[in-house]
Amino acid sequence: MATTIQVSKQLANTLKKRRQYDKESYEEVIWNLVEDTMEINAEAKKEVEQARADIKAGKFYTHDQVKKRLGM
């Protein structure tokens, strides 16, 4: 079932600029944005999990250690 939504002229212009080709629909543009967000979230979750594992394993440097190593 299709539905109609209202968007401001500013948002419509932004969506037009995000089109990958001239005939791409706003729905396709929005789906691409949603998919990009989902991929980023999944990737970010993996990176957070890895960072937590590294910290737990002692694989990190303190701020003072970094400053000393860089001669600051």
PDB file of N, CA and C in Angstrom:
ATOM      1  N   MET A   1       0.833  -1.176   0.000  1.00  0.00           N
ATOM      2  CA  MET A   1       0.000   0.000   0.000  1.00  0.00           C
ATOM      3  C   MET A   1       0.877   1.238   0.000  1.00  0.00           C
ATOM      4  N   ALA A   2       0.706   2.066  -0.953  1.00  0.00           N
ATOM      5  CA  ALA A   2       1.488   3.300  -1.047  1.00  0.00           C
ATOM      6  C   ALA A   2       0.799   4.390  -0.241  1.00  0.00           C
ATOM      7  N   THR A   3       1.601   5.310   0.252  1.00  0.00           N
ATOM      8  CA  THR A   3       1.065   6.445   0.982  1.00  0.00           C
ATOM      9  C   THR A   3       1.797   7.695   0.536  1.00  0.00           C
ATOM     10  N   THR A   4       1.235   8.822   0.821  1.00  0.00           N
ATOM     11  CA  THR A   4       1.834  10.098   0.453  1.00  0.00           C
ATOM     12  C   THR A   4       2.343  10.775   1.714  1.00  0.00           C
ATOM     13  N   ILE A   5       3.514  11.370   1.631  1.00  0.00           N
ATOM     14  CA  ILE A   5       4.041  12.145   2.754  1.00  0.00           C
ATOM     15  C   ILE A   5       4.352  13.544   2.273  1.00  0.00           C
ATOM     16  N   GLN A   6       4.326  14.473   3.197  1.00  0.00           N
ATOM     17  CA  GLN A   6       4.679  15.841   2.856  1.00  0.00           C
ATOM     18  C   GLN A   6       6.095  16.114   3.334  1.00  0.00           C
ATOM     19  N   VAL A   7       6.862  16.763   2.497  1.00  0.00           N
ATOM     20  CA  VAL A   7       8.210  17.187   2.875  1.00  0.00           C
ATOM     21  C   VAL A   7       8.363  18.648   2.475  1.00  0.00           C
ATOM     22  N   SER A   8       9.221  19.323   3.178  1.00  0.00           N
ATOM     23  CA  SER A   8       9.466  20.728   2.855  1.00  0.00           C
ATOM     24  C   SER A   8      10.207  20.828   1.528  1.00  0.00           C
ATOM     25  N   LYS A   9      10.182  22.016   0.947  1.00  0.00           N
ATOM     26  CA  LYS A   9      10.920  22.242  -0.302  1.00  0.00           C
ATOM     27  C   LYS A   9      12.414  22.017  -0.077  1.00  0.00           C
ATOM     28  N   GLN A  10      12.893  22.417   1.093  1.00  0.00           N
ATOM     29  CA  GLN A  10      14.318  22.240   1.407  1.00  0.00           C
ATOM     30  C   GLN A  10      14.688  20.762   1.415  1.00  0.00           C
ATOM     31  N   LEU A  11      13.861  19.919   2.049  1.00  0.00           N
ATOM     32  CA  LEU A  11      14.146  18.486   2.078  1.00  0.00           C
ATOM     33  C   LEU A  11      14.028  17.892   0.677  1.00  0.00           C
ATOM     34  N   ALA A  12      13.025  18.319  -0.085  1.00  0.00           N
ATOM     35  CA  ALA A  12      12.878  17.824  -1.457  1.00  0.00           C
ATOM     36  C   ALA A  12      14.115  18.149  -2.283  1.00  0.00           C
ATOM     37  N   ASN A  13      14.648  19.349  -2.127  1.00  0.00           N
ATOM     38  CA  ASN A  13      15.866  19.730  -2.845  1.00  0.00           C
ATOM     39  C   ASN A  13      17.059  18.893  -2.407  1.00  0.00           C
ATOM     40  N   THR A  14      17.142  18.625  -1.100  1.00  0.00           N
ATOM     41  CA  THR A  14      18.231  17.786  -0.585  1.00  0.00           C
ATOM     42  C   THR A  14      18.130  16.374  -1.144  1.00  0.00           C
ATOM     43  N   LEU A  15      16.923  15.828  -1.182  1.00  0.00           N
ATOM     44  CA  LEU A  15      16.732  14.492  -1.740  1.00  0.00           C
ATOM     45  C   LEU A  15      17.088  14.460  -3.225  1.00  0.00           C
ATOM     46  N   LYS A  16      16.726  15.516  -3.946  1.00  0.00           N
ATOM     47  CA  LYS A  16      17.083  15.589  -5.377  1.00  0.00           C
ATOM     48  C   LYS A  16      18.596  15.532  -5.561  1.00  0.00           C
ATOM     49  N   LYS A  17      19.330  16.240  -4.702  1.00  0.00           N
ATOM     50  CA  LYS A  17      20.793  16.266  -4.805  1.00  0.00           C
ATOM     51  C   LYS A  17      21.409  14.906  -4.503  1.00  0.00           C
ATOM     52  N   ARG A  18      20.711  14.085  -3.725  1.00  0.00           N
ATOM     53  CA  ARG A  18      21.233  12.772  -3.351  1.00  0.00           C
ATOM     54  C   ARG A  18      20.921  11.681  -4.365  1.00  0.00           C
ATOM     55  N   ARG A  19      20.160  12.019  -5.384  1.00  0.00           N
ATOM     56  CA  ARG A  19      19.848  11.032  -6.420  1.00  0.00           C
ATOM     57  C   ARG A  19      21.118  10.566  -7.105  1.00  0.00           C
ATOM     58  N   GLN A  20      21.164   9.265  -7.373  1.00  0.00           N
ATOM     59  CA  GLN A  20      22.311   8.716  -8.080  1.00  0.00           C
ATOM     60  C   GLN A  20      22.113   8.788  -9.585  1.00  0.00           C
ATOM     61  N   TYR A  21      20.868   8.898 -10.017  1.00  0.00           N
ATOM     62  CA  TYR A  21      20.544   9.078 -11.428  1.00  0.00           C
ATOM     63  C   TYR A  21      19.245   9.870 -11.522  1.00  0.00           C
ATOM     64  N   ASP A  22      18.987  10.500 -12.644  1.00  0.00           N
ATOM     65  CA  ASP A  22      17.879  11.453 -12.796  1.00  0.00           C
ATOM     66  C   ASP A  22      16.506  10.883 -12.456  1.00  0.00           C
ATOM     67  N   LYS A  23      16.218   9.673 -12.840  1.00  0.00           N
ATOM     68  CA  LYS A  23      14.881   9.095 -12.658  1.00  0.00           C
ATOM     69  C   LYS A  23      14.719   8.370 -11.319  1.00  0.00           C
ATOM     70  N   GLU A  24      15.725   8.434 -10.462  1.00  0.00           N
ATOM     71  CA  GLU A  24      15.636   7.746  -9.170  1.00  0.00           C
ATOM     72  C   GLU A  24      14.532   8.390  -8.332  1.00  0.00           C
ATOM     73  N   SER A  25      13.671   7.549  -7.750  1.00  0.00           N
ATOM     74  CA  SER A  25      12.550   8.064  -6.961  1.00  0.00           C
ATOM     75  C   SER A  25      13.028   8.478  -5.572  1.00  0.00           C
ATOM     76  N   TYR A  26      12.212   9.318  -4.938  1.00  0.00           N
ATOM     77  CA  TYR A  26      12.532   9.714  -3.559  1.00  0.00           C
ATOM     78  C   TYR A  26      12.553   8.492  -2.655  1.00  0.00           C
ATOM     79  N   GLU A  27      11.673   7.531  -2.911  1.00  0.00           N
ATOM     80  CA  GLU A  27      11.658   6.324  -2.095  1.00  0.00           C
ATOM     81  C   GLU A  27      12.999   5.594  -2.181  1.00  0.00           C
ATOM     82  N   GLU A  28      13.541   5.485  -3.380  1.00  0.00           N
ATOM     83  CA  GLU A  28      14.841   4.828  -3.534  1.00  0.00           C
ATOM     84  C   GLU A  28      15.934   5.596  -2.795  1.00  0.00           C
ATOM     85  N   VAL A  29      15.889   6.903  -2.875  1.00  0.00           N
ATOM     86  CA  VAL A  29      16.877   7.726  -2.181  1.00  0.00           C
ATOM     87  C   VAL A  29      16.779   7.492  -0.666  1.00  0.00           C
ATOM     88  N   ILE A  30      15.562   7.488  -0.158  1.00  0.00           N
ATOM     89  CA  ILE A  30      15.357   7.290   1.283  1.00  0.00           C
ATOM     90  C   ILE A  30      15.800   5.899   1.707  1.00  0.00           C
ATOM     91  N   TRP A  31      15.459   4.863   0.916  1.00  0.00           N
ATOM     92  CA  TRP A  31      15.903   3.502   1.245  1.00  0.00           C
ATOM     93  C   TRP A  31      17.431   3.416   1.293  1.00  0.00           C
ATOM     94  N   ASN A  32      18.104   4.076   0.354  1.00  0.00           N
ATOM     95  CA  ASN A  32      19.566   4.076   0.355  1.00  0.00           C
ATOM     96  C   ASN A  32      20.110   4.715   1.630  1.00  0.00           C
ATOM     97  N   LEU A  33      19.491   5.793   2.072  1.00  0.00           N
ATOM     98  CA  LEU A  33      19.925   6.438   3.309  1.00  0.00           C
ATOM     99  C   LEU A  33      19.699   5.529   4.511  1.00  0.00           C
ATOM    100  N   VAL A  34      18.569   4.851   4.540  1.00  0.00           N
ATOM    101  CA  VAL A  34      18.264   3.937   5.653  1.00  0.00           C
ATOM    102  C   VAL A  34      19.270   2.792   5.670  1.00  0.00           C
ATOM    103  N   GLU A  35      19.544   2.215   4.512  1.00  0.00           N
ATOM    104  CA  GLU A  35      20.496   1.109   4.434  1.00  0.00           C
ATOM    105  C   GLU A  35      21.887   1.549   4.871  1.00  0.00           C
ATOM    106  N   ASP A  36      22.303   2.738   4.457  1.00  0.00           N
ATOM    107  CA  ASP A  36      23.616   3.250   4.867  1.00  0.00           C
ATOM    108  C   ASP A  36      23.691   3.369   6.379  1.00  0.00           C
ATOM    109  N   THR A  37      22.641   3.857   6.996  1.00  0.00           N
ATOM    110  CA  THR A  37      22.611   4.018   8.443  1.00  0.00           C
ATOM    111  C   THR A  37      22.696   2.671   9.144  1.00  0.00           C
ATOM    112  N   MET A  38      21.990   1.683   8.621  1.00  0.00           N
ATOM    113  CA  MET A  38      22.010   0.356   9.233  1.00  0.00           C
ATOM    114  C   MET A  38      23.403  -0.254   9.141  1.00  0.00           C
ATOM    115  N   GLU A  39      24.063  -0.082   8.006  1.00  0.00           N
ATOM    116  CA  GLU A  39      25.408  -0.625   7.832  1.00  0.00           C
ATOM    117  C   GLU A  39      26.388   0.047   8.785  1.00  0.00           C
ATOM    118  N   ILE A  40      26.279   1.341   8.929  1.00  0.00           N
ATOM    119  CA  ILE A  40      27.165   2.071   9.836  1.00  0.00           C
ATOM    120  C   ILE A  40      26.962   1.582  11.258  1.00  0.00           C
ATOM    121  N   ASN A  41      25.711   1.396  11.650  1.00  0.00           N
ATOM    122  CA  ASN A  41      25.436   0.945  13.007  1.00  0.00           C
ATOM    123  C   ASN A  41      26.015  -0.436  13.269  1.00  0.00           C
ATOM    124  N   ALA A  42      25.874  -1.346  12.321  1.00  0.00           N
ATOM    125  CA  ALA A  42      26.413  -2.693  12.489  1.00  0.00           C
ATOM    126  C   ALA A  42      27.931  -2.644  12.578  1.00  0.00           C
ATOM    127  N   GLU A  43      28.553  -1.837  11.736  1.00  0.00           N
ATOM    128  CA  GLU A  43      30.014  -1.714  11.749  1.00  0.00           C
ATOM    129  C   GLU A  43      30.480  -1.071  13.056  1.00  0.00           C
ATOM    130  N   ALA A  44      29.784  -0.053  13.502  1.00  0.00           N
ATOM    131  CA  ALA A  44      30.154   0.626  14.745  1.00  0.00           C
ATOM    132  C   ALA A  44      30.046  -0.328  15.931  1.00  0.00           C
ATOM    133  N   LYS A  45      29.013  -1.163  15.940  1.00  0.00           N
ATOM    134  CA  LYS A  45      28.850  -2.135  17.029  1.00  0.00           C
ATOM    135  C   LYS A  45      30.033  -3.096  17.079  1.00  0.00           C
ATOM    136  N   LYS A  46      30.485  -3.562  15.917  1.00  0.00           N
ATOM    137  CA  LYS A  46      31.640  -4.458  15.859  1.00  0.00           C
ATOM    138  C   LYS A  46      32.882  -3.774  16.416  1.00  0.00           C
ATOM    139  N   GLU A  47      33.077  -2.503  16.020  1.00  0.00           N
ATOM    140  CA  GLU A  47      34.251  -1.766  16.477  1.00  0.00           C
ATOM    141  C   GLU A  47      34.219  -1.537  17.985  1.00  0.00           C
ATOM    142  N   VAL A  48      33.052  -1.269  18.534  1.00  0.00           N
ATOM    143  CA  VAL A  48      32.932  -1.085  19.981  1.00  0.00           C
ATOM    144  C   VAL A  48      33.243  -2.390  20.702  1.00  0.00           C
ATOM    145  N   GLU A  49      32.712  -3.492  20.181  1.00  0.00           N
ATOM    146  CA  GLU A  49      32.997  -4.796  20.786  1.00  0.00           C
ATOM    147  C   GLU A  49      34.495  -5.092  20.763  1.00  0.00           C
ATOM    148  N   GLN A  50      35.154  -4.788  19.641  1.00  0.00           N
ATOM    149  CA  GLN A  50      36.589  -5.026  19.519  1.00  0.00           C
ATOM    150  C   GLN A  50      37.363  -4.138  20.486  1.00  0.00           C
ATOM    151  N   ALA A  51      36.957  -2.888  20.594  1.00  0.00           N
ATOM    152  CA  ALA A  51      37.637  -1.965  21.517  1.00  0.00           C
ATOM    153  C   ALA A  51      37.502  -2.435  22.954  1.00  0.00           C
ATOM    154  N   ARG A  52      36.333  -2.898  23.324  1.00  0.00           N
ATOM    155  CA  ARG A  52      36.136  -3.415  24.687  1.00  0.00           C
ATOM    156  C   ARG A  52      37.021  -4.633  24.947  1.00  0.00           C
ATOM    157  N   ALA A  53      37.115  -5.510  23.966  1.00  0.00           N
ATOM    158  CA  ALA A  53      37.966  -6.693  24.111  1.00  0.00           C
ATOM    159  C   ALA A  53      39.430  -6.280  24.240  1.00  0.00           C
ATOM    160  N   ASP A  54      39.869  -5.289  23.455  1.00  0.00           N
ATOM    161  CA  ASP A  54      41.242  -4.807  23.536  1.00  0.00           C
ATOM    162  C   ASP A  54      41.534  -4.217  24.912  1.00  0.00           C
ATOM    163  N   ILE A  55      40.607  -3.432  25.426  1.00  0.00           N
ATOM    164  CA  ILE A  55      40.803  -2.827  26.749  1.00  0.00           C
ATOM    165  C   ILE A  55      40.877  -3.909  27.817  1.00  0.00           C
ATOM    166  N   LYS A  56      39.990  -4.873  27.733  1.00  0.00           N
ATOM    167  CA  LYS A  56      39.974  -5.973  28.704  1.00  0.00           C
ATOM    168  C   LYS A  56      41.290  -6.752  28.661  1.00  0.00           C
ATOM    169  N   ALA A  57      41.877  -6.869  27.467  1.00  0.00           N
ATOM    170  CA  ALA A  57      43.135  -7.604  27.298  1.00  0.00           C
ATOM    171  C   ALA A  57      44.353  -6.732  27.597  1.00  0.00           C
ATOM    172  N   GLY A  58      44.120  -5.469  27.969  1.00  0.00           N
ATOM    173  CA  GLY A  58      45.228  -4.583  28.295  1.00  0.00           C
ATOM    174  C   GLY A  58      45.916  -3.982  27.084  1.00  0.00           C
ATOM    175  N   LYS A  59      45.283  -4.049  25.928  1.00  0.00           N
ATOM    176  CA  LYS A  59      45.872  -3.512  24.694  1.00  0.00           C
ATOM    177  C   LYS A  59      45.438  -2.062  24.498  1.00  0.00           C
ATOM    178  N   PHE A  60      46.004  -1.180  25.282  1.00  0.00           N
ATOM    179  CA  PHE A  60      45.683   0.231  25.150  1.00  0.00           C
ATOM    180  C   PHE A  60      46.797   1.064  25.763  1.00  0.00           C
ATOM    181  N   TYR A  61      46.804   2.345  25.454  1.00  0.00           N
ATOM    182  CA  TYR A  61      47.742   3.290  26.033  1.00  0.00           C
ATOM    183  C   TYR A  61      46.952   4.367  26.755  1.00  0.00           C
ATOM    184  N   THR A  62      47.454   4.822  27.881  1.00  0.00           N
ATOM    185  CA  THR A  62      46.810   5.926  28.574  1.00  0.00           C
ATOM    186  C   THR A  62      47.158   7.225  27.857  1.00  0.00           C
ATOM    187  N   HIS A  63      46.437   8.255  28.184  1.00  0.00           N
ATOM    188  CA  HIS A  63      46.697   9.569  27.594  1.00  0.00           C
ATOM    189  C   HIS A  63      48.122  10.025  27.921  1.00  0.00           C
ATOM    190  N   ASP A  64      48.533   9.836  29.153  1.00  0.00           N
ATOM    191  CA  ASP A  64      49.891  10.211  29.555  1.00  0.00           C
ATOM    192  C   ASP A  64      50.952   9.429  28.799  1.00  0.00           C
ATOM    193  N   GLN A  65      50.725   8.148  28.560  1.00  0.00           N
ATOM    194  CA  GLN A  65      51.678   7.328  27.806  1.00  0.00           C
ATOM    195  C   GLN A  65      51.821   7.844  26.369  1.00  0.00           C
ATOM    196  N   VAL A  66      50.718   8.211  25.767  1.00  0.00           N
ATOM    197  CA  VAL A  66      50.735   8.716  24.388  1.00  0.00           C
ATOM    198  C   VAL A  66      51.486  10.041  24.338  1.00  0.00           C
ATOM    199  N   LYS A  67      51.176  10.934  25.284  1.00  0.00           N
ATOM    200  CA  LYS A  67      51.861  12.229  25.318  1.00  0.00           C
ATOM    201  C   LYS A  67      53.365  12.031  25.475  1.00  0.00           C
ATOM    202  N   LYS A  68      53.773  11.125  26.369  1.00  0.00           N
ATOM    203  CA  LYS A  68      55.186  10.888  26.597  1.00  0.00           C
ATOM    204  C   LYS A  68      55.847  10.320  25.332  1.00  0.00           C
ATOM    205  N   ARG A  69      55.163   9.396  24.703  1.00  0.00           N
ATOM    206  CA  ARG A  69      55.706   8.782  23.486  1.00  0.00           C
ATOM    207  C   ARG A  69      55.866   9.800  22.356  1.00  0.00           C
ATOM    208  N   LEU A  70      54.967  10.779  22.300  1.00  0.00           N
ATOM    209  CA  LEU A  70      55.029  11.805  21.280  1.00  0.00           C
ATOM    210  C   LEU A  70      55.887  12.993  21.671  1.00  0.00           C
ATOM    211  N   GLY A  71      56.454  12.928  22.879  1.00  0.00           N
ATOM    212  CA  GLY A  71      57.322  14.006  23.341  1.00  0.00           C
ATOM    213  C   GLY A  71      56.569  15.269  23.688  1.00  0.00           C
ATOM    214  N   MET A  72      55.402  15.130  24.196  1.00  0.00           N
ATOM    215  CA  MET A  72      54.585  16.304  24.527  1.00  0.00           C
ATOM    216  C   MET A  72      54.617  16.590  26.020  1.00  0.00           C
TER     217      MET A  72
END
